[in-house]
Amino acid sequence: MSATFITFPANRQSVGPPPGLAALPVDLSHSPLLGILGVLLGAGIVTITGRLLSLGLADLKGNVGIGFDDGAWIGSAFNVALMFIGPFTVYLGGLLGPRRVLLASATVFTVICWFLPLVHSYSLLIVLLAIAGLASGTFYPLTLTFALRNIPLRYLALVVALYATCIEAAVNFAPSIFGFCRNHVSWEWMFWIPALATPVMMTCIYFGVAESPKPQSKKQPPSFVGFFYLSCGFALLYAALDQGQRLDWWRSGVFTGLLAGGVFLLLGSLV
């Protein structure tokens, strides 16, 4: 019987982490850093969009040709939609997965931001701003939830600090950005800047956030009606407080109706 020998190459190299991640700590090198970068970008984009909208309100009203009372609902349309989708995003994220919801919402938000400066109809402007608020409102809860679930525990405080810093920086840098655009380019760039930044966030989410598996639990899923009532209740309360001073608070039937409806829906979500 003849013996069989198997020869192994002497210079065989072991498989290790990519060169770019070799310098990182072991626990951090396995974290989705691109996804975390998308988290930070998402927080900044939503914040700076709302801030630029308030700074450019006069130019936007002049472009559409409306007065003070009608113009007061421009910011409210965006922010009320933002308030509505916040709690409801938790339901959508659990049902469809954060990656799908973020990519779809970011696509819608980018397209709308490109076309908002071209709108000259007040009704269409309010509708598009509400849709933009619904789309961008998913960034806050889903991106932060992703970061909290995937970052190593000892880096959690750093990520949360960076998240808060991006929001604060967006608030403070927005006046300078709008002033530069207003003086050297045009006011339309208050919408086109978020439209340019959002695809960068989408790239980070696409490559950095893994597809969530479908839930296999046999437990009863969360109540759609409960989340819907909760979201509507918060949205109506925000609308009432945002418009309360202009409507003269309790002397206005609109304010009373918004406040009463919001409280009723919040109580209904608990039943």
Protein backbone atom coordinates (compact mmCIF):
# COMPACT_ATOMS: atom_id res chain seq x y z
CA MET A 1 0.00 0.00 0.00
CA SER A 2 1.42 3.33 -0.99
CA ALA A 3 1.11 6.33 1.30
CA THR A 4 -0.53 9.53 0.10
CA PHE A 5 0.94 12.82 1.16
CA ILE A 6 -0.84 16.18 1.08
CA THR A 7 1.36 19.21 0.79
CA PHE A 8 0.23 22.47 2.40
CA PRO A 9 1.68 25.80 1.19
CA ALA A 10 4.18 27.18 3.64
CA ASN A 11 3.30 30.81 3.12
CA ARG A 12 -0.43 30.50 3.80
CA GLN A 13 -1.82 33.68 5.39
CA SER A 14 -4.58 33.82 7.97
CA VAL A 15 -7.73 35.74 7.18
CA GLY A 16 -8.02 38.89 9.23
CA PRO A 17 -10.06 42.06 9.31
CA PRO A 18 -9.85 44.53 6.44
CA PRO A 19 -6.81 46.82 6.60
CA GLY A 20 -8.95 49.88 7.27
CA LEU A 21 -10.46 48.28 10.37
CA ALA A 22 -7.28 46.70 11.73
CA ALA A 23 -6.41 49.82 13.71
CA LEU A 24 -9.80 49.89 15.45
CA PRO A 25 -10.55 48.10 18.73
CA VAL A 26 -11.78 44.54 18.24
CA ASP A 27 -15.33 45.16 19.47
CA LEU A 28 -15.70 48.33 17.41
CA SER A 29 -14.25 46.83 14.20
CA HIS A 30 -17.25 44.47 13.97
CA SER A 31 -19.79 47.28 14.35
CA PRO A 32 -21.59 48.75 11.32
CA LEU A 33 -19.72 52.05 11.27
CA LEU A 34 -21.37 53.18 8.04
CA GLY A 35 -24.76 52.63 9.61
CA ILE A 36 -23.77 54.69 12.63
CA LEU A 37 -22.58 57.47 10.30
CA GLY A 38 -25.99 57.32 8.62
CA VAL A 39 -27.57 57.71 12.07
CA LEU A 40 -25.66 60.93 12.70
CA LEU A 41 -26.45 62.28 9.23
CA GLY A 42 -30.15 61.50 9.62
CA ALA A 43 -30.40 63.43 12.86
CA GLY A 44 -28.63 66.43 11.36
CA ILE A 45 -30.67 66.43 8.13
CA VAL A 46 -34.05 66.48 9.86
CA THR A 47 -32.97 69.20 12.28
CA ILE A 48 -31.41 71.47 9.70
CA THR A 49 -34.42 71.09 7.37
CA GLY A 50 -36.83 72.30 10.02
CA ARG A 51 -34.51 75.14 11.02
CA LEU A 52 -33.95 76.29 7.43
CA LEU A 53 -37.70 76.18 6.83
CA SER A 54 -38.32 78.60 9.69
CA LEU A 55 -35.48 80.89 8.59
CA GLY A 56 -36.65 81.01 4.99
CA LEU A 57 -40.34 81.38 5.77
CA ALA A 58 -40.50 84.96 4.48
CA ASP A 59 -38.93 84.01 1.14
CA LEU A 60 -41.21 81.00 0.83
CA LYS A 61 -44.32 83.09 1.53
CA GLY A 62 -43.21 85.61 -1.05
CA ASN A 63 -42.66 82.86 -3.61
CA VAL A 64 -46.18 81.52 -3.11
CA GLY A 65 -47.77 84.93 -2.54
CA ILE A 66 -49.49 84.41 0.81
CA GLY A 67 -49.93 86.45 3.97
CA PHE A 68 -49.21 85.94 7.66
CA ASP A 69 -52.15 83.70 8.58
CA ASP A 70 -51.66 81.29 5.69
CA GLY A 71 -47.89 81.34 6.15
CA ALA A 72 -48.25 80.31 9.79
CA TRP A 73 -49.34 76.84 8.65
CA ILE A 74 -46.22 76.25 6.53
CA GLY A 75 -43.99 75.32 9.44
CA SER A 76 -46.87 73.61 11.23
CA ALA A 77 -47.53 71.32 8.25
CA PHE A 78 -43.96 70.00 8.39
CA ASN A 79 -43.68 69.77 12.17
CA VAL A 80 -47.13 68.26 12.79
CA ALA A 81 -46.34 65.52 10.27
CA LEU A 82 -42.99 65.05 12.00
CA MET A 83 -44.77 64.66 15.34
CA PHE A 84 -47.31 62.23 13.90
CA ILE A 85 -44.85 59.83 12.31
CA GLY A 86 -42.53 59.69 15.33
CA PRO A 87 -44.51 57.19 17.45
CA PHE A 88 -45.93 55.44 14.38
CA THR A 89 -42.42 54.80 13.06
CA VAL A 90 -41.86 52.38 15.93
CA TYR A 91 -44.72 50.27 14.59
CA LEU A 92 -43.49 50.48 10.98
CA GLY A 93 -39.91 49.66 11.98
CA GLY A 94 -41.00 46.56 13.86
CA LEU A 95 -43.24 45.45 10.98
CA LEU A 96 -41.01 46.15 7.96
CA GLY A 97 -37.54 46.63 9.44
CA PRO A 98 -35.60 49.88 9.91
CA ARG A 99 -33.60 49.51 6.68
CA ARG A 100 -36.63 49.33 4.39
CA VAL A 101 -38.45 52.17 6.10
CA LEU A 102 -35.39 54.45 6.13
CA LEU A 103 -34.49 53.89 2.47
CA ALA A 104 -38.06 54.38 1.24
CA SER A 105 -38.61 57.46 3.40
CA ALA A 106 -35.28 59.02 2.43
CA THR A 107 -36.09 58.55 -1.27
CA VAL A 108 -39.45 60.29 -0.90
CA PHE A 109 -37.91 63.09 1.16
CA THR A 110 -35.16 63.71 -1.41
CA VAL A 111 -37.57 63.92 -4.34
CA ILE A 112 -39.92 66.30 -2.53
CA CYS A 113 -37.09 68.60 -1.41
CA TRP A 114 -35.94 68.96 -5.00
CA PHE A 115 -39.39 70.11 -6.16
CA LEU A 116 -40.50 72.24 -3.19
CA PRO A 117 -38.85 75.49 -4.44
CA LEU A 118 -40.71 75.11 -7.75
CA VAL A 119 -44.17 75.02 -6.15
CA HIS A 120 -46.33 78.15 -6.47
CA SER A 121 -49.61 76.73 -5.16
CA TYR A 122 -50.30 77.14 -1.45
CA SER A 123 -52.39 73.97 -1.16
CA LEU A 124 -49.78 71.88 -2.96
CA LEU A 125 -47.02 73.39 -0.82
CA ILE A 126 -48.81 72.37 2.40
CA VAL A 127 -49.36 68.83 1.11
CA LEU A 128 -45.74 68.40 0.02
CA LEU A 129 -44.41 69.78 3.29
CA ALA A 130 -46.61 67.36 5.21
CA ILE A 131 -45.31 64.44 3.12
CA ALA A 132 -41.73 65.65 3.65
CA GLY A 133 -42.37 65.75 7.39
CA LEU A 134 -43.79 62.23 7.33
CA ALA A 135 -40.79 60.94 5.38
CA SER A 136 -38.07 62.68 7.41
CA GLY A 137 -39.80 61.99 10.72
CA THR A 138 -38.73 58.35 10.46
CA PHE A 139 -35.04 59.36 10.72
CA TYR A 140 -35.07 60.27 14.40
CA PRO A 141 -36.46 57.09 16.03
CA LEU A 142 -35.14 54.46 13.61
CA THR A 143 -31.59 55.76 13.32
CA LEU A 144 -31.18 56.17 17.07
CA THR A 145 -32.68 52.73 17.72
CA PHE A 146 -30.23 51.19 15.28
CA ALA A 147 -27.28 52.85 17.00
CA LEU A 148 -28.39 51.76 20.47
CA ARG A 149 -28.77 48.15 19.33
CA ASN A 150 -25.52 47.81 17.40
CA ILE A 151 -22.87 49.92 19.13
CA PRO A 152 -20.74 48.25 21.83
CA LEU A 153 -21.82 49.25 25.31
CA ARG A 154 -18.62 51.07 26.23
CA TYR A 155 -18.99 53.33 23.16
CA LEU A 156 -22.69 54.00 23.70
CA ALA A 157 -22.20 57.29 25.56
CA LEU A 158 -19.90 58.53 22.77
CA VAL A 159 -22.43 57.72 20.03
CA VAL A 160 -25.29 59.37 21.93
CA ALA A 161 -23.07 62.43 22.48
CA LEU A 162 -22.26 62.59 18.77
CA TYR A 163 -25.96 62.21 17.97
CA ALA A 164 -26.86 65.13 20.23
CA THR A 165 -23.94 67.16 18.87
CA CYS A 166 -25.18 66.72 15.29
CA ILE A 167 -28.62 68.00 16.28
CA GLU A 168 -27.20 70.95 18.18
CA ALA A 169 -24.73 71.79 15.41
CA ALA A 170 -27.51 71.71 12.82
CA VAL A 171 -29.54 74.18 14.88
CA ASN A 172 -26.61 76.57 15.34
CA PHE A 173 -25.13 76.35 11.84
CA ALA A 174 -28.46 76.70 10.02
CA PRO A 175 -28.59 80.55 10.23
CA SER A 176 -25.10 80.84 8.75
CA ILE A 177 -25.91 78.33 6.00
CA PHE A 178 -29.15 80.10 5.11
CA GLY A 179 -27.47 83.50 5.18
CA PHE A 180 -24.77 82.31 2.79
CA CYS A 181 -27.32 80.78 0.42
CA ARG A 182 -29.56 83.83 0.61
CA ASN A 183 -26.75 86.28 -0.16
CA HIS A 184 -24.62 84.33 -2.63
CA VAL A 185 -26.88 81.75 -4.28
CA SER A 186 -30.66 81.76 -3.73
CA TRP A 187 -33.19 80.88 -1.05
CA GLU A 188 -34.14 77.68 -2.92
CA TRP A 189 -31.01 76.03 -1.55
CA MET A 190 -32.65 75.73 1.87
CA PHE A 191 -34.43 72.72 0.33
CA TRP A 192 -31.73 71.58 -2.06
CA ILE A 193 -29.06 71.25 0.65
CA PRO A 194 -31.04 68.52 2.50
CA ALA A 195 -31.80 66.95 -0.88
CA LEU A 196 -28.06 66.67 -1.57
CA ALA A 197 -27.22 65.37 1.90
CA THR A 198 -29.92 62.70 2.10
CA PRO A 199 -28.45 60.40 -0.63
CA VAL A 200 -25.23 60.29 1.40
CA MET A 201 -27.25 59.08 4.37
CA MET A 202 -29.02 56.56 2.14
CA THR A 203 -25.67 55.16 1.00
CA CYS A 204 -24.56 54.71 4.60
CA ILE A 205 -27.85 53.03 5.49
CA TYR A 206 -27.76 50.76 2.43
CA PHE A 207 -24.25 49.45 3.09
CA GLY A 208 -24.18 49.79 6.89
CA VAL A 209 -27.60 48.53 8.03
CA ALA A 210 -28.35 44.85 7.57
CA GLU A 211 -31.76 43.63 6.45
CA SER A 212 -33.88 42.79 9.48
CA PRO A 213 -35.30 39.26 9.58
CA LYS A 214 -39.03 38.92 9.71
CA PRO A 215 -40.29 38.44 13.28
CA GLN A 216 -41.01 34.78 14.03
CA SER A 217 -42.72 35.38 17.35
CA LYS A 218 -46.20 33.94 17.75
CA LYS A 219 -47.19 36.69 20.14
CA GLN A 220 -49.91 39.10 19.18
CA PRO A 221 -48.42 42.01 17.16
CA PRO A 222 -48.65 45.57 18.50
CA SER A 223 -51.94 47.32 17.98
CA PHE A 224 -52.07 49.35 14.78
CA VAL A 225 -55.03 51.35 16.09
CA GLY A 226 -53.23 52.12 19.34
CA PHE A 227 -50.15 53.49 17.59
CA PHE A 228 -52.34 55.42 15.15
CA TYR A 229 -54.37 57.07 17.91
CA LEU A 230 -51.19 57.89 19.83
CA SER A 231 -49.59 59.51 16.78
CA CYS A 232 -52.71 61.49 15.91
CA GLY A 233 -53.07 62.64 19.50
CA PHE A 234 -49.52 63.99 19.69
CA ALA A 235 -49.90 65.65 16.27
CA LEU A 236 -53.12 67.45 17.24
CA LEU A 237 -51.66 68.60 20.56
CA TYR A 238 -48.60 69.99 18.78
CA ALA A 239 -50.80 71.78 16.24
CA ALA A 240 -52.86 73.32 19.05
CA LEU A 241 -49.81 74.57 20.95
CA ASP A 242 -48.07 75.77 17.78
CA GLN A 243 -51.06 77.80 16.58
CA GLY A 244 -52.46 78.71 20.01
CA GLN A 245 -51.01 82.20 20.33
CA ARG A 246 -52.03 83.21 16.82
CA LEU A 247 -55.55 81.84 17.37
CA ASP A 248 -55.86 83.53 20.80
CA TRP A 249 -55.93 80.28 22.75
CA TRP A 250 -59.29 79.38 24.35
CA ARG A 251 -61.16 82.08 22.46
CA SER A 252 -60.64 80.08 19.27
CA GLY A 253 -62.78 77.10 18.38
CA VAL A 254 -59.93 75.69 16.24
CA PHE A 255 -57.54 75.64 19.19
CA THR A 256 -60.16 74.11 21.49
CA GLY A 257 -61.02 71.46 18.92
CA LEU A 258 -57.38 70.54 18.29
CA LEU A 259 -56.62 70.32 22.00
CA ALA A 260 -59.74 68.33 22.86
CA GLY A 261 -59.22 65.97 19.92
CA GLY A 262 -55.59 65.38 20.88
CA VAL A 263 -56.42 64.58 24.49
CA PHE A 264 -59.27 62.28 23.43
CA LEU A 265 -57.05 60.33 21.02
CA LEU A 266 -54.26 60.00 23.58
CA LEU A 267 -56.71 58.57 26.09
CA GLY A 268 -58.14 56.31 23.40
CA SER A 269 -54.68 54.90 22.63
CA LEU A 270 -54.44 53.65 26.22
CA VAL A 271 -57.67 51.68 26.09
